[in-house]
Amino acid sequence: MDMTALMLSMLFGTVGMGFLMYGKKAGELMPVGIGLALMICPYFITNVILMLGVCSALTALPFVLRQV
């Protein structure tokens, strides 16, 4: 694992923890699921570009779905 992948996984894991804490406090299921996915998916995706794309899409998903 290179330094870029490590830093990206740490960044998205922290964002996921924020989503998880918000979802638990607000009692909403979608932020909890997104938070768990953001904390777990960097363990399984080793390609940096793919990890950046998937985690960015997961991060933007609640904001996009809120607008619909």
C-alpha atoms as a PDB file:
ATOM      1  CA  MET A   1       0.000   0.000   0.000  1.00  0.00           C
ATOM      2  CA  ASP A   2       1.480   3.322  -1.014  1.00  0.00           C
ATOM      3  CA  MET A   3       1.262   6.603   0.866  1.00  0.00           C
ATOM      4  CA  THR A   4      -1.444   8.055  -1.384  1.00  0.00           C
ATOM      5  CA  ALA A   5      -3.794   5.127  -0.790  1.00  0.00           C
ATOM      6  CA  LEU A   6      -3.120   5.281   2.930  1.00  0.00           C
ATOM      7  CA  MET A   7      -3.904   8.988   3.150  1.00  0.00           C
ATOM      8  CA  LEU A   8      -7.042   8.639   1.011  1.00  0.00           C
ATOM      9  CA  SER A   9      -8.313   5.769   3.123  1.00  0.00           C
ATOM     10  CA  MET A  10      -7.679   7.806   6.262  1.00  0.00           C
ATOM     11  CA  LEU A  11      -9.483  10.828   4.794  1.00  0.00           C
ATOM     12  CA  PHE A  12     -12.532   8.887   3.652  1.00  0.00           C
ATOM     13  CA  GLY A  13     -12.597   6.877   6.876  1.00  0.00           C
ATOM     14  CA  THR A  14     -12.768  10.126   8.830  1.00  0.00           C
ATOM     15  CA  VAL A  15     -15.547  11.448   6.604  1.00  0.00           C
ATOM     16  CA  GLY A  16     -17.340   8.117   7.067  1.00  0.00           C
ATOM     17  CA  MET A  17     -17.039   8.402  10.826  1.00  0.00           C
ATOM     18  CA  GLY A  18     -18.623  11.849  10.621  1.00  0.00           C
ATOM     19  CA  PHE A  19     -21.518  10.494   8.555  1.00  0.00           C
ATOM     20  CA  LEU A  20     -21.956   7.619  10.999  1.00  0.00           C
ATOM     21  CA  MET A  21     -22.010   9.892  14.050  1.00  0.00           C
ATOM     22  CA  TYR A  22     -24.454  12.280  12.382  1.00  0.00           C
ATOM     23  CA  GLY A  23     -26.736   9.448  11.277  1.00  0.00           C
ATOM     24  CA  LYS A  24     -26.842   7.896  14.732  1.00  0.00           C
ATOM     25  CA  LYS A  25     -27.594  11.224  16.378  1.00  0.00           C
ATOM     26  CA  ALA A  26     -30.265  12.204  13.846  1.00  0.00           C
ATOM     27  CA  GLY A  27     -31.771   8.715  13.727  1.00  0.00           C
ATOM     28  CA  GLU A  28     -31.431   8.460   9.954  1.00  0.00           C
ATOM     29  CA  LEU A  29     -30.430   5.259   8.213  1.00  0.00           C
ATOM     30  CA  MET A  30     -28.841   6.617   5.005  1.00  0.00           C
ATOM     31  CA  PRO A  31     -25.957   8.547   6.650  1.00  0.00           C
ATOM     32  CA  VAL A  32     -25.229   5.531   8.850  1.00  0.00           C
ATOM     33  CA  GLY A  33     -25.003   3.260   5.804  1.00  0.00           C
ATOM     34  CA  ILE A  34     -22.878   5.734   3.857  1.00  0.00           C
ATOM     35  CA  GLY A  35     -20.587   6.154   6.861  1.00  0.00           C
ATOM     36  CA  LEU A  36     -20.102   2.422   7.239  1.00  0.00           C
ATOM     37  CA  ALA A  37     -19.474   2.046   3.515  1.00  0.00           C
ATOM     38  CA  LEU A  38     -16.890   4.853   3.559  1.00  0.00           C
ATOM     39  CA  MET A  39     -15.071   3.268   6.475  1.00  0.00           C
ATOM     40  CA  ILE A  40     -15.077  -0.236   4.979  1.00  0.00           C
ATOM     41  CA  CYS A  41     -14.566   0.218   1.220  1.00  0.00           C
ATOM     42  CA  PRO A  42     -10.920   1.481   1.340  1.00  0.00           C
ATOM     43  CA  TYR A  43      -9.935  -1.895   2.811  1.00  0.00           C
ATOM     44  CA  PHE A  44     -11.129  -3.699  -0.299  1.00  0.00           C
ATOM     45  CA  ILE A  45     -10.193  -1.255  -3.064  1.00  0.00           C
ATOM     46  CA  THR A  46      -6.439  -1.089  -3.677  1.00  0.00           C
ATOM     47  CA  ASN A  47      -6.418   1.020  -6.845  1.00  0.00           C
ATOM     48  CA  VAL A  48      -6.064   4.698  -5.881  1.00  0.00           C
ATOM     49  CA  ILE A  49      -8.094   6.096  -8.795  1.00  0.00           C
ATOM     50  CA  LEU A  50     -10.915   3.611  -8.240  1.00  0.00           C
ATOM     51  CA  MET A  51     -10.933   4.267  -4.492  1.00  0.00           C
ATOM     52  CA  LEU A  52     -11.080   8.021  -5.098  1.00  0.00           C
ATOM     53  CA  GLY A  53     -13.980   7.626  -7.522  1.00  0.00           C
ATOM     54  CA  VAL A  54     -16.030   5.221  -5.398  1.00  0.00           C
ATOM     55  CA  CYS A  55     -15.509   7.076  -2.132  1.00  0.00           C
ATOM     56  CA  SER A  56     -16.192  10.458  -3.739  1.00  0.00           C
ATOM     57  CA  ALA A  57     -19.427   9.109  -5.188  1.00  0.00           C
ATOM     58  CA  LEU A  58     -20.422   7.704  -1.791  1.00  0.00           C
ATOM     59  CA  THR A  59     -19.646  11.036  -0.140  1.00  0.00           C
ATOM     60  CA  ALA A  60     -21.745  12.979  -2.658  1.00  0.00           C
ATOM     61  CA  LEU A  61     -24.664  10.515  -2.631  1.00  0.00           C
ATOM     62  CA  PRO A  62     -26.567  11.933   0.390  1.00  0.00           C
ATOM     63  CA  PHE A  63     -26.330  15.462  -0.998  1.00  0.00           C
ATOM     64  CA  VAL A  64     -27.528  14.388  -4.428  1.00  0.00           C
ATOM     65  CA  LEU A  65     -30.423  12.343  -3.058  1.00  0.00           C
ATOM     66  CA  ARG A  66     -31.481  15.190  -0.771  1.00  0.00           C
ATOM     67  CA  GLN A  67     -31.997  17.426  -3.798  1.00  0.00           C
ATOM     68  CA  VAL A  68     -34.293  14.902  -5.524  1.00  0.00           C
END
